[in-house]
């Protein structure tokens, strides 16, 4: 055991940065392909926000406005946030819980690959799927909803929502370590759906009951959606710095919880 550990440590030290980067890229590539081939994952995370946007943003309310912002433009921001949440939570939490149940993480730990390549791949995959969702909403909004914005604003909105997947990926890692393979999807939905409603992603924030609006101020999706809404000319025009600080703090807390789960599983394996 001692010889094997020394050999593994020696291998890690001798690995070049280029070789390490190649491992990370390959892990991300195959994680993306794995999720792409999971029909339940792709069908749910891609179709739900697009379906809701088509129904409520293009079919029912295409000519309506919320304040000075058209409904199709407004809902790109809110359903974009909704889609980013779904892609990140299901891509990380469900996958991690399933891999833990199958013993796949034990195989990963026994291999000489960098220990965090597995987690980085899940986060990168979540960002990619989040980007696809937002681009699909852009395409529908521009072609069917008459949404018009400067190209710089489209790029800023895409970047904000893609970056906004990080807090929910961190949340997914935390959930993945404390839920089982069978309970993970149900647990995610019990958190994801109420949080979406209370954050004003389905019903505009100003139309929510007062008690729900007070709850929303503590929820990460509210802060991400307000950042996105500010770009399309809506939202409550609060400080962007405050929204980013809340999202960053939430990310750090979730990563801390995930680390506790990681150390707990490591202790069970090597203790």
Protein backbone atom coordinates (compact mmCIF):
# COMPACT_ATOMS: atom_id res chain seq x y z
CA UNK A 1 0.00 0.00 0.00
CA UNK A 2 2.82 2.37 0.89
CA UNK A 3 4.64 1.64 -2.37
CA UNK A 4 1.45 2.18 -4.37
CA UNK A 5 0.81 5.49 -2.62
CA UNK A 6 4.35 6.69 -3.30
CA UNK A 7 4.05 5.69 -6.94
CA UNK A 8 0.74 7.56 -7.27
CA UNK A 9 2.18 10.67 -5.62
CA UNK A 10 5.20 10.51 -7.93
CA UNK A 11 2.90 10.26 -10.95
CA UNK A 12 0.93 13.31 -9.82
CA UNK A 13 4.10 15.35 -9.36
CA UNK A 14 5.51 14.39 -12.75
CA UNK A 15 2.32 15.17 -14.69
CA UNK A 16 2.88 18.23 -16.90
CA UNK A 17 0.37 21.11 -16.94
CA UNK A 18 -0.43 20.28 -20.56
CA UNK A 19 -1.15 16.67 -19.65
CA UNK A 20 -3.33 17.78 -16.75
CA UNK A 21 -5.28 20.16 -19.00
CA UNK A 22 -5.81 17.34 -21.50
CA UNK A 23 -7.27 15.14 -18.76
CA UNK A 24 -9.64 17.89 -17.64
CA UNK A 25 -10.77 18.52 -21.23
CA UNK A 26 -11.36 14.83 -21.93
CA UNK A 27 -13.28 14.38 -18.71
CA UNK A 28 -15.48 17.37 -19.60
CA UNK A 29 -15.97 16.09 -23.15
CA UNK A 30 -17.16 12.66 -22.06
CA UNK A 31 -19.32 14.07 -19.27
CA UNK A 32 -21.05 16.28 -21.83
CA UNK A 33 -21.55 13.38 -24.25
CA UNK A 34 -22.87 11.19 -21.44
CA UNK A 35 -25.50 13.77 -20.46
CA UNK A 36 -26.34 14.49 -24.09
CA UNK A 37 -27.16 10.81 -24.59
CA UNK A 38 -29.37 10.67 -21.48
CA UNK A 39 -32.74 11.40 -23.07
CA UNK A 40 -34.48 12.09 -19.77
CA UNK A 41 -31.89 14.72 -18.90
CA UNK A 42 -31.77 16.47 -22.26
CA UNK A 43 -35.54 16.28 -22.75
CA UNK A 44 -36.32 17.78 -19.36
CA UNK A 45 -33.66 20.49 -18.98
CA UNK A 46 -33.92 21.66 -22.59
CA UNK A 47 -37.64 21.30 -23.28
CA UNK A 48 -39.24 22.67 -20.10
CA UNK A 49 -37.94 26.27 -20.22
CA UNK A 50 -38.42 26.40 -24.00
CA UNK A 51 -41.95 24.97 -23.75
CA UNK A 52 -42.94 27.44 -21.02
CA UNK A 53 -41.42 30.32 -22.96
CA UNK A 54 -43.30 29.42 -26.14
CA UNK A 55 -46.59 29.07 -24.25
CA UNK A 56 -46.45 32.11 -21.95
CA UNK A 57 -44.08 34.35 -23.88
CA UNK A 58 -45.09 33.77 -27.50
CA UNK A 59 -48.56 32.23 -27.65
CA UNK A 60 -50.45 33.89 -24.78
CA UNK A 61 -48.67 37.17 -24.08
CA UNK A 62 -46.59 38.07 -27.13
CA UNK A 63 -48.14 41.54 -27.44
CA UNK A 64 -48.18 42.31 -23.72
CA UNK A 65 -45.69 44.26 -21.65
CA UNK A 66 -44.52 44.23 -18.04
CA UNK A 67 -43.76 47.82 -17.29
CA UNK A 68 -41.84 49.11 -20.27
CA UNK A 69 -40.46 45.68 -21.21
CA UNK A 70 -42.20 43.32 -23.61
CA UNK A 71 -43.20 39.96 -22.18
CA UNK A 72 -41.04 37.99 -24.67
CA UNK A 73 -37.95 39.95 -23.58
CA UNK A 74 -38.86 39.77 -19.88
CA UNK A 75 -39.36 36.00 -19.98
CA UNK A 76 -36.04 35.36 -21.68
CA UNK A 77 -34.45 36.58 -18.45
CA UNK A 78 -36.71 34.67 -16.06
CA UNK A 79 -37.07 31.42 -18.00
CA UNK A 80 -33.37 31.65 -18.81
CA UNK A 81 -32.72 31.62 -15.07
CA UNK A 82 -35.16 28.74 -14.67
CA UNK A 83 -33.40 26.75 -17.40
CA UNK A 84 -29.95 27.43 -15.98
CA UNK A 85 -31.09 26.17 -12.57
CA UNK A 86 -32.49 22.96 -14.01
CA UNK A 87 -29.45 22.17 -16.15
CA UNK A 88 -27.08 22.81 -13.24
CA UNK A 89 -28.97 21.01 -10.48
CA UNK A 90 -29.91 17.92 -12.43
CA UNK A 91 -26.57 17.74 -14.21
CA UNK A 92 -24.55 17.77 -10.98
CA UNK A 93 -26.77 16.46 -8.17
CA UNK A 94 -28.42 13.56 -10.00
CA UNK A 95 -25.19 12.53 -11.74
CA UNK A 96 -23.12 12.69 -8.57
CA UNK A 97 -25.67 10.79 -6.49
CA UNK A 98 -25.94 8.11 -9.18
CA UNK A 99 -22.16 7.77 -9.51
CA UNK A 100 -21.79 7.48 -5.74
CA UNK A 101 -24.43 4.75 -5.65
CA UNK A 102 -22.71 2.80 -8.44
CA UNK A 103 -19.28 3.12 -6.82
CA UNK A 104 -17.96 5.09 -9.77
CA UNK A 105 -16.33 7.69 -7.51
CA UNK A 106 -14.28 4.93 -5.89
CA UNK A 107 -12.97 3.99 -9.32
CA UNK A 108 -12.14 7.64 -10.00
CA UNK A 109 -10.24 7.95 -6.72
CA UNK A 110 -8.26 4.80 -7.46
CA UNK A 111 -7.20 6.12 -10.86
CA UNK A 112 -4.27 8.54 -11.31
CA UNK A 113 -6.50 11.27 -12.74
CA UNK A 114 -6.56 14.69 -10.96
CA UNK A 115 -9.11 14.39 -8.13
CA UNK A 116 -11.14 17.44 -9.10
CA UNK A 117 -11.35 16.78 -12.85
CA UNK A 118 -14.57 14.85 -12.25
CA UNK A 119 -16.25 17.79 -10.51
CA UNK A 120 -14.92 20.36 -12.96
CA UNK A 121 -16.37 18.31 -15.82
CA UNK A 122 -19.83 18.42 -14.27
CA UNK A 123 -19.65 22.18 -13.78
CA UNK A 124 -18.43 22.76 -17.36
CA UNK A 125 -21.20 20.52 -18.70
CA UNK A 126 -23.78 22.50 -16.75
CA UNK A 127 -22.44 25.74 -18.23
CA UNK A 128 -22.62 24.30 -21.76
CA UNK A 129 -26.21 23.13 -21.37
CA UNK A 130 -27.15 26.44 -19.74
CA UNK A 131 -25.68 28.27 -22.73
CA UNK A 132 -27.64 26.09 -25.16
CA UNK A 133 -30.89 26.84 -23.32
CA UNK A 134 -30.30 30.60 -23.32
CA UNK A 135 -29.33 30.60 -27.02
CA UNK A 136 -32.52 28.68 -27.83
CA UNK A 137 -34.58 31.28 -25.95
CA UNK A 138 -32.74 34.04 -27.82
CA UNK A 139 -33.55 32.41 -31.15
CA UNK A 140 -37.24 32.08 -30.31
CA UNK A 141 -37.47 35.57 -28.86
CA UNK A 142 -35.81 37.21 -31.86
CA UNK A 143 -37.58 35.26 -34.60
CA UNK A 144 -41.06 34.84 -33.11
CA UNK A 145 -41.28 37.33 -30.26
CA UNK A 146 -39.87 40.43 -31.92
CA UNK A 147 -37.22 40.88 -29.21
CA UNK A 148 -34.68 43.53 -30.19
CA UNK A 149 -31.63 44.44 -28.15
CA UNK A 150 -28.10 45.61 -28.93
CA UNK A 151 -25.74 42.73 -29.62
CA UNK A 152 -23.69 43.76 -26.57
CA UNK A 153 -26.76 43.28 -24.35
CA UNK A 154 -27.41 39.83 -25.80
CA UNK A 155 -23.80 38.89 -25.08
CA UNK A 156 -24.01 40.33 -21.57
CA UNK A 157 -27.24 38.46 -20.84
CA UNK A 158 -25.78 35.20 -22.14
CA UNK A 159 -22.63 35.64 -20.08
CA UNK A 160 -24.58 36.53 -16.93
CA UNK A 161 -26.86 33.51 -17.14
CA UNK A 162 -24.04 31.13 -18.06
CA UNK A 163 -21.94 32.40 -15.15
CA UNK A 164 -25.03 32.18 -12.98
CA UNK A 165 -25.00 28.41 -13.40
CA UNK A 166 -22.04 28.19 -10.99
CA UNK A 167 -24.00 28.73 -7.74
CA UNK A 168 -26.52 26.08 -8.75
CA UNK A 169 -23.78 23.67 -9.83
CA UNK A 170 -22.26 24.11 -6.37
CA UNK A 171 -25.68 23.50 -4.84
CA UNK A 172 -25.99 20.37 -6.98
CA UNK A 173 -22.66 19.05 -5.73
CA UNK A 174 -23.80 19.57 -2.14
CA UNK A 175 -27.12 17.79 -2.80
CA UNK A 176 -25.38 14.98 -4.67
CA UNK A 177 -23.32 14.10 -1.60
CA UNK A 178 -26.28 13.99 0.76
CA UNK A 179 -28.94 12.29 -1.36
CA UNK A 180 -29.15 8.80 -2.79
CA UNK A 181 -29.46 7.78 -6.44
CA UNK A 182 -33.21 7.22 -6.16
CA UNK A 183 -34.05 10.17 -3.93
CA UNK A 184 -31.94 12.80 -5.73
CA UNK A 185 -34.43 13.71 -8.53
CA UNK A 186 -37.32 14.06 -6.09
CA UNK A 187 -35.21 16.11 -3.67
CA UNK A 188 -34.08 18.41 -6.48
CA UNK A 189 -37.68 19.01 -7.59
CA UNK A 190 -38.78 19.72 -4.02
CA UNK A 191 -36.18 22.51 -3.91
CA UNK A 192 -36.04 23.61 -7.54
CA UNK A 193 -39.72 24.16 -8.29
CA UNK A 194 -40.79 26.06 -5.14
CA UNK A 195 -37.61 28.13 -5.31
CA UNK A 196 -38.40 29.05 -8.93
CA UNK A 197 -41.91 30.17 -8.07
CA UNK A 198 -40.90 32.12 -4.96
CA UNK A 199 -38.11 33.89 -6.88
CA UNK A 200 -40.52 35.31 -9.45
CA UNK A 201 -39.43 33.14 -12.36
CA UNK A 202 -42.95 32.00 -13.25
CA UNK A 203 -44.98 34.94 -11.97
CA UNK A 204 -43.38 38.42 -12.12
CA UNK A 205 -41.99 39.44 -8.75
CA UNK A 206 -44.34 42.41 -8.29
CA UNK A 207 -47.40 40.13 -8.62
CA UNK A 208 -46.30 37.72 -5.88
CA UNK A 209 -47.88 37.85 -2.39
CA UNK A 210 -45.99 40.07 0.05
CA UNK A 211 -44.75 37.19 2.20
CA UNK A 212 -43.39 35.41 -0.88
CA UNK A 213 -41.62 38.58 -2.03
CA UNK A 214 -39.87 38.76 1.34
CA UNK A 215 -38.78 35.13 1.02
CA UNK A 216 -37.50 35.76 -2.50
CA UNK A 217 -34.89 38.23 -1.27
CA UNK A 218 -33.00 35.33 0.34
CA UNK A 219 -33.14 33.03 -2.70
CA UNK A 220 -30.30 32.78 -5.26
CA UNK A 221 -32.61 32.52 -8.32
CA UNK A 222 -34.13 35.89 -7.42
CA UNK A 223 -30.72 37.56 -7.49
CA UNK A 224 -29.69 35.93 -10.78
CA UNK A 225 -33.02 36.81 -12.41
CA UNK A 226 -32.72 40.42 -11.25
CA UNK A 227 -29.28 40.64 -12.86
CA UNK A 228 -30.74 39.27 -16.10
CA UNK A 229 -33.84 41.47 -15.95
CA UNK A 230 -31.68 44.55 -15.47
CA UNK A 231 -30.03 43.83 -18.81
CA UNK A 232 -33.38 43.68 -20.67
CA UNK A 233 -34.54 46.91 -19.01
CA UNK A 234 -36.76 45.42 -16.32
CA UNK A 235 -36.20 44.26 -12.76
CA UNK A 236 -36.13 46.31 -9.59
CA UNK A 237 -32.92 48.19 -10.43
CA UNK A 238 -31.13 47.10 -7.26
CA UNK A 239 -27.36 47.06 -6.88
CA UNK A 240 -25.73 44.48 -9.17
CA UNK A 241 -22.87 44.19 -6.69
CA UNK A 242 -25.30 43.03 -4.00
CA UNK A 243 -26.76 40.37 -6.29
CA UNK A 244 -23.32 39.03 -7.19
CA UNK A 245 -22.24 39.05 -3.54
CA UNK A 246 -25.25 36.96 -2.54
CA UNK A 247 -24.61 34.48 -5.35
CA UNK A 248 -20.91 34.26 -4.46
CA UNK A 249 -21.69 33.69 -0.77
CA UNK A 250 -24.24 31.01 -1.66
CA UNK A 251 -21.67 29.31 -3.90
CA UNK A 252 -19.08 29.26 -1.11
CA UNK A 253 -21.56 27.81 1.39
CA UNK A 254 -22.61 25.06 -1.02
CA UNK A 255 -18.99 24.20 -1.86
CA UNK A 256 -18.27 23.98 1.87
CA UNK A 257 -21.17 21.55 2.32
CA UNK A 258 -20.00 19.55 -0.71
CA UNK A 259 -16.50 19.36 0.77
CA UNK A 260 -17.93 17.95 3.99
CA UNK A 261 -19.68 15.27 1.95
CA UNK A 262 -16.49 14.60 -0.01
CA UNK A 263 -14.45 14.15 3.17
CA UNK A 264 -17.16 11.95 4.69
CA UNK A 265 -17.16 9.62 1.68
CA UNK A 266 -13.36 9.62 1.63
CA UNK A 267 -13.29 8.64 5.29
CA UNK A 268 -15.69 5.76 4.65
CA UNK A 269 -13.46 4.51 1.85
CA UNK A 270 -10.06 4.86 3.50
CA UNK A 271 -10.93 4.95 7.21
